[in-house]
């Protein structure tokens, strides 16, 4: 067994009314500190914050307010529904950008709420032209081939806008391989985006996400858009994780001893080769513990990493706790699934995925506590 930074299990004897739900602690101070660190690294470019998907699963309102207090003035979400919710949290003032744009029928709503849709298609530009009072951004496709107008289409669209092009407040691009610093597409996208300097002279430009910020100052332009690094994840070898923001713990429900040959969980995928102690943990795939961690995951308790055994089910999974002294872990204690002892990127790697997916999939059941 590997040995992480020592932690003690949370020993919380069962009391009347005590919840057996897993618990997510969100350190808003660490979130703010991560933004300030990235803002300092980005200077002289401004630093925004990507808070789409409920602030990567951590809670849009608390996260956005903490970021605003830290100094964030430009926020990025995906859709108008997220933007409207964010405006209610933040009030007037901060910029709120809709990266996926806005349905044409919702443009008046965007204008009233001060939401700025990013224009990704010729049809979006056409709808924008007829929507008085709406400010927006223009996404230019430089190599990712996901959203945005190719450079020549962007030029044609702006020409068709005529004087209405003055309502475009930002020109955006997006990097496809920022987490792979040596990928040749990074340099090609940078060159293509830099060549757009005459597209809307004087209008700010934004290309870099978390990984792009680490590729060099040339990628910064006027505004950077960090996401995953705000929340304690890495964005490639040059963009390591900053302070952890999330600590996810789950309760020990029961501990039993298996005899050789006895199995655990659905499908009997794990059978004991020798006597072993198994802890049933009260969190499952309904709580954001991926089924892919079956037989692969780790939890931390008593200064050790403990392996998942058997299949993750909807509400629980099993740990082999034989490496711990008997009595070191008991029902009512908690084990850590994410945190300082079990970093986000390690947990994601064990699940064969990325930190983004783990955070945004944490689910609604775990209790959330902000500090």
Protein backbone atom coordinates (compact mmCIF):
# COMPACT_ATOMS: atom_id res chain seq x y z
CA UNK A 1 0.00 0.00 0.00
CA UNK A 2 1.24 3.49 -0.76
CA UNK A 3 1.38 6.07 2.00
CA UNK A 4 -0.02 9.59 1.42
CA UNK A 5 0.33 12.57 3.69
CA UNK A 6 -0.94 11.37 7.04
CA UNK A 7 -4.52 12.18 7.93
CA UNK A 8 -6.72 10.94 10.71
CA UNK A 9 -10.17 9.59 9.98
CA UNK A 10 -13.02 11.82 11.01
CA UNK A 11 -14.42 10.02 14.05
CA UNK A 12 -17.98 11.17 14.42
CA UNK A 13 -19.94 8.70 16.55
CA UNK A 14 -23.43 8.13 15.24
CA UNK A 15 -25.90 10.47 16.86
CA UNK A 16 -29.61 10.91 16.47
CA UNK A 17 -30.28 12.79 13.26
CA UNK A 18 -26.69 12.53 11.98
CA UNK A 19 -26.58 12.18 8.20
CA UNK A 20 -24.90 9.21 6.56
CA UNK A 21 -24.51 11.10 3.30
CA UNK A 22 -21.07 11.77 1.86
CA UNK A 23 -19.78 15.30 2.38
CA UNK A 24 -18.01 17.75 0.09
CA UNK A 25 -16.06 20.56 1.74
CA UNK A 26 -15.29 23.45 -0.61
CA UNK A 27 -12.52 25.82 0.40
CA UNK A 28 -13.54 29.17 -1.07
CA UNK A 29 -10.38 30.76 0.30
CA UNK A 30 -8.28 28.33 -1.72
CA UNK A 31 -10.41 29.03 -4.80
CA UNK A 32 -9.81 32.78 -4.42
CA UNK A 33 -6.10 32.23 -3.80
CA UNK A 34 -5.82 30.12 -6.95
CA UNK A 35 -7.46 32.88 -8.98
CA UNK A 36 -5.13 35.52 -7.53
CA UNK A 37 -2.12 33.33 -8.36
CA UNK A 38 -3.30 32.87 -11.94
CA UNK A 39 -4.13 36.56 -12.29
CA UNK A 40 -0.59 37.45 -11.21
CA UNK A 41 0.83 34.94 -13.69
CA UNK A 42 -1.34 36.34 -16.50
CA UNK A 43 -0.43 40.01 -16.06
CA UNK A 44 -0.55 42.28 -17.96
CA UNK A 45 -3.48 40.33 -19.45
CA UNK A 46 -6.68 40.39 -17.43
CA UNK A 47 -7.84 37.16 -15.80
CA UNK A 48 -11.41 35.93 -15.99
CA UNK A 49 -12.94 32.76 -14.57
CA UNK A 50 -14.82 29.89 -16.19
CA UNK A 51 -17.72 28.92 -13.91
CA UNK A 52 -19.84 26.86 -16.29
CA UNK A 53 -21.48 23.59 -15.21
CA UNK A 54 -22.31 24.96 -11.74
CA UNK A 55 -18.72 26.13 -11.25
CA UNK A 56 -17.41 22.69 -12.22
CA UNK A 57 -19.88 21.05 -9.87
CA UNK A 58 -18.93 23.05 -6.77
CA UNK A 59 -21.82 25.52 -6.64
CA UNK A 60 -22.19 28.51 -8.94
CA UNK A 61 -23.27 31.10 -6.38
CA UNK A 62 -20.69 30.53 -3.64
CA UNK A 63 -17.85 30.03 -6.11
CA UNK A 64 -18.67 33.07 -8.23
CA UNK A 65 -19.10 35.34 -5.22
CA UNK A 66 -15.73 34.23 -3.82
CA UNK A 67 -14.09 34.88 -7.19
CA UNK A 68 -15.77 38.28 -7.50
CA UNK A 69 -14.53 39.27 -4.04
CA UNK A 70 -11.04 38.18 -5.11
CA UNK A 71 -11.21 40.56 -8.07
CA UNK A 72 -12.68 38.62 -11.00
CA UNK A 73 -14.58 40.87 -13.39
CA UNK A 74 -15.16 38.53 -16.37
CA UNK A 75 -17.08 35.28 -15.93
CA UNK A 76 -17.69 32.59 -18.54
CA UNK A 77 -20.58 30.12 -18.56
CA UNK A 78 -22.01 27.96 -21.34
CA UNK A 79 -25.69 28.86 -21.68
CA UNK A 80 -28.11 31.71 -21.02
CA UNK A 81 -29.77 29.79 -18.15
CA UNK A 82 -26.42 29.65 -16.37
CA UNK A 83 -25.85 33.29 -17.18
CA UNK A 84 -29.18 34.37 -15.73
CA UNK A 85 -28.50 32.43 -12.53
CA UNK A 86 -25.05 33.96 -12.30
CA UNK A 87 -26.40 37.48 -12.77
CA UNK A 88 -28.81 36.91 -9.89
CA UNK A 89 -25.86 35.92 -7.70
CA UNK A 90 -23.49 38.70 -8.77
CA UNK A 91 -25.82 41.58 -9.46
CA UNK A 92 -24.90 44.24 -12.05
CA UNK A 93 -21.33 44.95 -12.95
CA UNK A 94 -19.25 41.88 -13.80
CA UNK A 95 -19.13 40.71 -17.40
CA UNK A 96 -20.94 37.43 -18.02
CA UNK A 97 -20.10 35.65 -21.26
CA UNK A 98 -22.13 32.81 -22.79
CA UNK A 99 -19.61 30.56 -24.53
CA UNK A 100 -22.21 28.48 -26.37
CA UNK A 101 -24.07 31.56 -27.49
CA UNK A 102 -27.74 32.30 -27.08
CA UNK A 103 -30.91 31.15 -28.82
CA UNK A 104 -32.16 33.97 -31.11
CA UNK A 105 -35.41 34.26 -29.18
CA UNK A 106 -33.49 34.83 -25.96
CA UNK A 107 -31.40 37.76 -27.18
CA UNK A 108 -33.75 40.37 -25.64
CA UNK A 109 -33.44 38.51 -22.32
CA UNK A 110 -29.66 38.66 -22.66
CA UNK A 111 -29.82 42.37 -23.34
CA UNK A 112 -31.97 43.00 -20.27
CA UNK A 113 -29.74 40.90 -18.00
CA UNK A 114 -26.47 42.20 -19.40
CA UNK A 115 -25.37 38.78 -20.69
CA UNK A 116 -22.94 38.76 -23.59
CA UNK A 117 -23.36 35.82 -25.99
CA UNK A 118 -20.40 34.53 -27.97
CA UNK A 119 -21.28 34.34 -31.66
CA UNK A 120 -20.21 30.98 -33.10
CA UNK A 121 -22.09 30.72 -36.41
CA UNK A 122 -23.16 32.97 -39.31
CA UNK A 123 -26.76 32.50 -38.17
CA UNK A 124 -25.87 33.76 -34.70
CA UNK A 125 -24.23 36.83 -36.21
CA UNK A 126 -27.33 37.49 -38.31
CA UNK A 127 -29.62 37.23 -35.27
CA UNK A 128 -27.25 39.48 -33.31
CA UNK A 129 -27.44 42.12 -36.04
CA UNK A 130 -31.18 42.45 -35.50
CA UNK A 131 -31.07 42.49 -31.70
CA UNK A 132 -30.67 46.04 -30.46
CA UNK A 133 -28.80 46.57 -27.24
CA UNK A 134 -27.04 43.21 -27.09
CA UNK A 135 -23.28 43.15 -26.61
CA UNK A 136 -21.37 40.03 -27.60
CA UNK A 137 -18.16 38.28 -28.53
CA UNK A 138 -16.97 36.57 -31.69
CA UNK A 139 -15.43 33.09 -31.60
CA UNK A 140 -12.98 32.47 -34.43
CA UNK A 141 -12.12 28.88 -35.38
CA UNK A 142 -8.36 28.39 -35.57
CA UNK A 143 -7.98 24.62 -35.44
CA UNK A 144 -10.19 22.97 -32.83
CA UNK A 145 -13.17 22.62 -35.18
CA UNK A 146 -15.77 22.69 -32.43
CA UNK A 147 -17.34 26.15 -32.29
CA UNK A 148 -16.60 29.37 -34.12
CA UNK A 149 -16.35 30.94 -37.54
CA UNK A 150 -13.32 30.33 -39.77
CA UNK A 151 -11.30 33.56 -40.22
CA UNK A 152 -12.67 34.40 -43.66
CA UNK A 153 -16.24 33.71 -42.57
CA UNK A 154 -15.65 35.92 -39.53
CA UNK A 155 -14.45 38.75 -41.75
CA UNK A 156 -17.48 38.37 -44.01
CA UNK A 157 -19.82 38.32 -41.03
CA UNK A 158 -18.31 41.49 -39.60
CA UNK A 159 -18.56 43.21 -42.96
CA UNK A 160 -22.25 42.32 -43.06
CA UNK A 161 -22.69 43.73 -39.55
CA UNK A 162 -21.38 47.11 -40.63
CA UNK A 163 -21.75 49.63 -37.83
CA UNK A 164 -23.33 47.00 -35.59
CA UNK A 165 -19.88 45.39 -35.28
CA UNK A 166 -19.19 48.01 -32.62
CA UNK A 167 -21.25 45.86 -30.25
CA UNK A 168 -18.63 43.10 -30.44
CA UNK A 169 -16.64 43.41 -27.22
CA UNK A 170 -14.26 40.43 -27.43
CA UNK A 171 -12.66 38.19 -30.05
CA UNK A 172 -12.11 34.64 -28.81
CA UNK A 173 -10.32 31.48 -29.87
CA UNK A 174 -9.92 28.15 -28.12
CA UNK A 175 -6.90 25.86 -27.95
CA UNK A 176 -7.37 22.17 -28.72
CA UNK A 177 -4.11 20.82 -27.27
CA UNK A 178 -3.08 23.25 -24.53
CA UNK A 179 -2.53 20.35 -22.12
CA UNK A 180 0.06 18.92 -24.54
CA UNK A 181 2.68 21.70 -24.66
CA UNK A 182 4.72 20.20 -27.49
CA UNK A 183 1.81 19.55 -29.83
CA UNK A 184 2.36 21.45 -33.10
CA UNK A 185 -1.27 22.56 -33.24
CA UNK A 186 -0.62 25.00 -30.38
CA UNK A 187 1.81 27.06 -32.44
CA UNK A 188 -0.44 26.90 -35.50
CA UNK A 189 -3.45 28.11 -33.54
CA UNK A 190 -1.41 30.89 -31.94
CA UNK A 191 -0.22 32.09 -35.35
CA UNK A 192 -3.74 31.95 -36.79
CA UNK A 193 -5.20 33.88 -33.86
CA UNK A 194 -2.41 36.46 -33.83
CA UNK A 195 -3.09 37.11 -37.52
CA UNK A 196 -6.57 38.35 -36.59
CA UNK A 197 -5.23 41.57 -35.09
CA UNK A 198 -6.87 43.63 -37.83
CA UNK A 199 -10.23 41.88 -37.50
CA UNK A 200 -11.62 44.34 -34.95
CA UNK A 201 -8.84 46.79 -34.09
CA UNK A 202 -8.91 47.83 -30.46
CA UNK A 203 -11.24 45.03 -29.37
CA UNK A 204 -9.71 42.75 -26.69
CA UNK A 205 -8.73 39.21 -27.64
CA UNK A 206 -8.80 36.01 -25.59
CA UNK A 207 -7.24 32.64 -26.48
CA UNK A 208 -5.74 30.96 -23.41
CA UNK A 209 -7.47 28.58 -21.04
CA UNK A 210 -5.71 27.07 -17.99
CA UNK A 211 -3.30 25.06 -20.10
CA UNK A 212 -2.79 27.82 -22.62
CA UNK A 213 -1.65 30.20 -19.90
CA UNK A 214 1.33 27.90 -19.29
CA UNK A 215 2.42 27.83 -22.94
CA UNK A 216 3.99 31.28 -22.79
CA UNK A 217 3.10 34.94 -22.54
CA UNK A 218 2.37 35.12 -26.27
CA UNK A 219 -0.81 33.14 -25.65
CA UNK A 220 -2.16 35.60 -23.09
CA UNK A 221 -3.33 38.43 -25.39
CA UNK A 222 -5.76 40.66 -23.43
CA UNK A 223 -7.81 38.22 -21.33
CA UNK A 224 -7.22 34.65 -20.14
CA UNK A 225 -9.96 32.18 -19.19
CA UNK A 226 -8.78 29.69 -16.55
CA UNK A 227 -11.09 26.91 -15.47
CA UNK A 228 -9.83 23.63 -13.99
CA UNK A 229 -6.79 25.13 -12.24
CA UNK A 230 -9.08 27.40 -10.24
CA UNK A 231 -10.68 24.31 -8.75
CA UNK A 232 -7.52 22.41 -7.84
CA UNK A 233 -6.88 20.38 -11.00
CA UNK A 234 -3.96 20.40 -13.39
CA UNK A 235 -4.06 21.34 -17.07
CA UNK A 236 -1.01 19.55 -18.38
CA UNK A 237 2.64 19.11 -17.42
CA UNK A 238 3.37 22.84 -17.41
CA UNK A 239 0.17 23.75 -15.58
CA UNK A 240 0.22 21.77 -12.32
CA UNK A 241 -2.54 21.77 -9.75
CA UNK A 242 -2.64 24.70 -7.35
CA UNK A 243 -4.21 24.60 -3.87
CA UNK A 244 -6.84 21.87 -3.45
CA UNK A 245 -10.34 23.30 -3.27
CA UNK A 246 -12.40 20.14 -2.70
CA UNK A 247 -12.31 17.62 0.12
CA UNK A 248 -14.75 14.77 -0.42
CA UNK A 249 -15.34 12.35 2.46
CA UNK A 250 -17.73 9.45 2.86
CA UNK A 251 -18.82 7.52 5.95
CA UNK A 252 -17.85 4.01 6.96
CA UNK A 253 -21.13 2.11 7.26
CA UNK A 254 -19.92 -1.32 8.28
CA UNK A 255 -16.76 -3.40 8.64
CA UNK A 256 -16.72 -7.17 8.23
CA UNK A 257 -14.11 -9.91 7.98
CA UNK A 258 -14.14 -12.15 4.91
CA UNK A 259 -12.97 -15.72 4.94
CA UNK A 260 -10.91 -17.01 2.00
CA UNK A 261 -13.15 -17.50 -1.02
CA UNK A 262 -15.88 -15.10 0.09
CA UNK A 263 -16.75 -12.33 -2.37
CA UNK A 264 -17.83 -8.69 -2.22
CA UNK A 265 -20.51 -6.84 -4.15
CA UNK A 266 -22.38 -7.30 -7.39
CA UNK A 267 -20.99 -9.88 -9.76
CA UNK A 268 -18.66 -11.31 -7.10
CA UNK A 269 -15.76 -9.71 -8.96
CA UNK A 270 -13.53 -9.76 -5.87
CA UNK A 271 -12.94 -12.87 -3.81
CA UNK A 272 -10.72 -12.95 -0.74
CA UNK A 273 -7.56 -14.99 -1.13
CA UNK A 274 -6.96 -14.85 2.60
CA UNK A 275 -8.86 -13.45 5.58
CA UNK A 276 -9.36 -9.71 5.09
CA UNK A 277 -11.32 -6.85 6.59
CA UNK A 278 -13.71 -5.01 4.30
CA UNK A 279 -15.29 -1.61 4.99
CA UNK A 280 -18.52 -0.65 3.27
CA UNK A 281 -18.41 3.06 2.41
CA UNK A 282 -21.55 5.16 2.01
CA UNK A 283 -20.99 6.69 -1.42
CA UNK A 284 -21.57 5.30 -4.89
CA UNK A 285 -21.98 6.29 -8.48
CA UNK A 286 -25.07 8.33 -7.57
CA UNK A 287 -22.70 10.44 -5.48
CA UNK A 288 -20.05 10.95 -8.13
CA UNK A 289 -17.89 7.88 -7.39
CA UNK A 290 -17.42 6.51 -10.93
CA UNK A 291 -18.19 2.85 -11.54
CA UNK A 292 -14.88 2.82 -13.42
CA UNK A 293 -13.17 2.89 -9.99
CA UNK A 294 -14.41 -0.65 -9.32
CA UNK A 295 -11.33 -2.58 -8.26
CA UNK A 296 -9.13 0.41 -9.18
CA UNK A 297 -9.95 3.29 -6.87
CA UNK A 298 -8.23 4.48 -3.72
CA UNK A 299 -9.48 6.13 -0.56
CA UNK A 300 -7.35 7.68 2.18
CA UNK A 301 -7.61 7.07 5.91
CA UNK A 302 -5.20 6.78 8.83
CA UNK A 303 -2.30 7.94 6.70
CA UNK A 304 -2.71 5.24 4.06
CA UNK A 305 -4.22 4.70 0.64
CA UNK A 306 -6.75 1.87 0.78
CA UNK A 307 -7.89 0.01 -2.35
CA UNK A 308 -11.43 -0.34 -3.67
CA UNK A 309 -12.51 -3.98 -4.02
CA UNK A 310 -15.47 -5.26 -5.98
CA UNK A 311 -17.87 -3.12 -7.94
CA UNK A 312 -18.95 0.41 -7.09
CA UNK A 313 -22.73 0.37 -6.71
CA UNK A 314 -25.25 3.19 -6.64
CA UNK A 315 -24.95 4.01 -2.95
CA UNK A 316 -21.80 2.29 -1.73
CA UNK A 317 -18.49 0.61 -2.46
CA UNK A 318 -16.07 -1.56 -0.50
CA UNK A 319 -12.51 -0.94 0.70
CA UNK A 320 -9.94 -3.47 1.82
CA UNK A 321 -8.81 -2.08 5.18
CA UNK A 322 -6.71 -5.07 6.20
CA UNK A 323 -3.55 -2.93 6.18
CA UNK A 324 -4.86 -0.84 9.08
CA UNK A 325 -4.58 -1.89 12.70
CA UNK A 326 -7.81 -3.45 13.87
CA UNK A 327 -10.03 -0.75 15.33
CA UNK A 328 -8.22 2.10 13.54
CA UNK A 329 -11.29 2.62 11.37
CA UNK A 330 -14.82 2.09 12.65
CA UNK A 331 -18.41 2.72 11.55
CA UNK A 332 -19.08 6.44 11.84
CA UNK A 333 -15.56 7.39 10.72
CA UNK A 334 -14.97 8.93 7.31
CA UNK A 335 -12.55 8.18 4.51
CA UNK A 336 -11.26 10.73 2.02
CA UNK A 337 -12.04 10.32 -1.67
CA UNK A 338 -10.67 13.69 -2.82
CA UNK A 339 -8.43 16.13 -0.98
CA UNK A 340 -4.85 16.65 0.10
CA UNK A 341 -4.30 12.95 0.73
CA UNK A 342 -5.94 11.96 -2.55
CA UNK A 343 -5.49 14.69 -5.19
CA UNK A 344 -8.08 15.21 -7.89
CA UNK A 345 -5.75 14.20 -10.71
CA UNK A 346 -4.75 10.95 -8.99
CA UNK A 347 -8.38 10.00 -8.47
CA UNK A 348 -9.20 10.88 -12.08
CA UNK A 349 -6.28 8.84 -13.38
CA UNK A 350 -7.43 5.79 -11.41
CA UNK A 351 -10.87 6.19 -13.01
CA UNK A 352 -9.41 6.54 -16.49
CA UNK A 353 -10.79 10.04 -16.88
CA UNK A 354 -9.95 13.69 -16.17
CA UNK A 355 -10.50 15.94 -13.19
CA UNK A 356 -13.09 17.98 -15.08
CA UNK A 357 -15.37 14.95 -15.38
CA UNK A 358 -14.96 13.94 -11.74
CA UNK A 359 -15.82 17.40 -10.42
CA UNK A 360 -18.79 18.01 -12.70
CA UNK A 361 -20.13 14.54 -11.90
CA UNK A 362 -20.14 14.83 -8.10
CA UNK A 363 -23.91 14.65 -8.03
CA UNK A 364 -26.56 16.37 -5.94
CA UNK A 365 -26.76 14.04 -2.95
CA UNK A 366 -23.49 14.75 -1.11
CA UNK A 367 -23.82 17.54 1.41
CA UNK A 368 -21.81 20.61 0.52
CA UNK A 369 -20.09 22.72 3.14
CA UNK A 370 -18.36 26.00 2.23
CA UNK A 371 -15.53 27.47 4.23
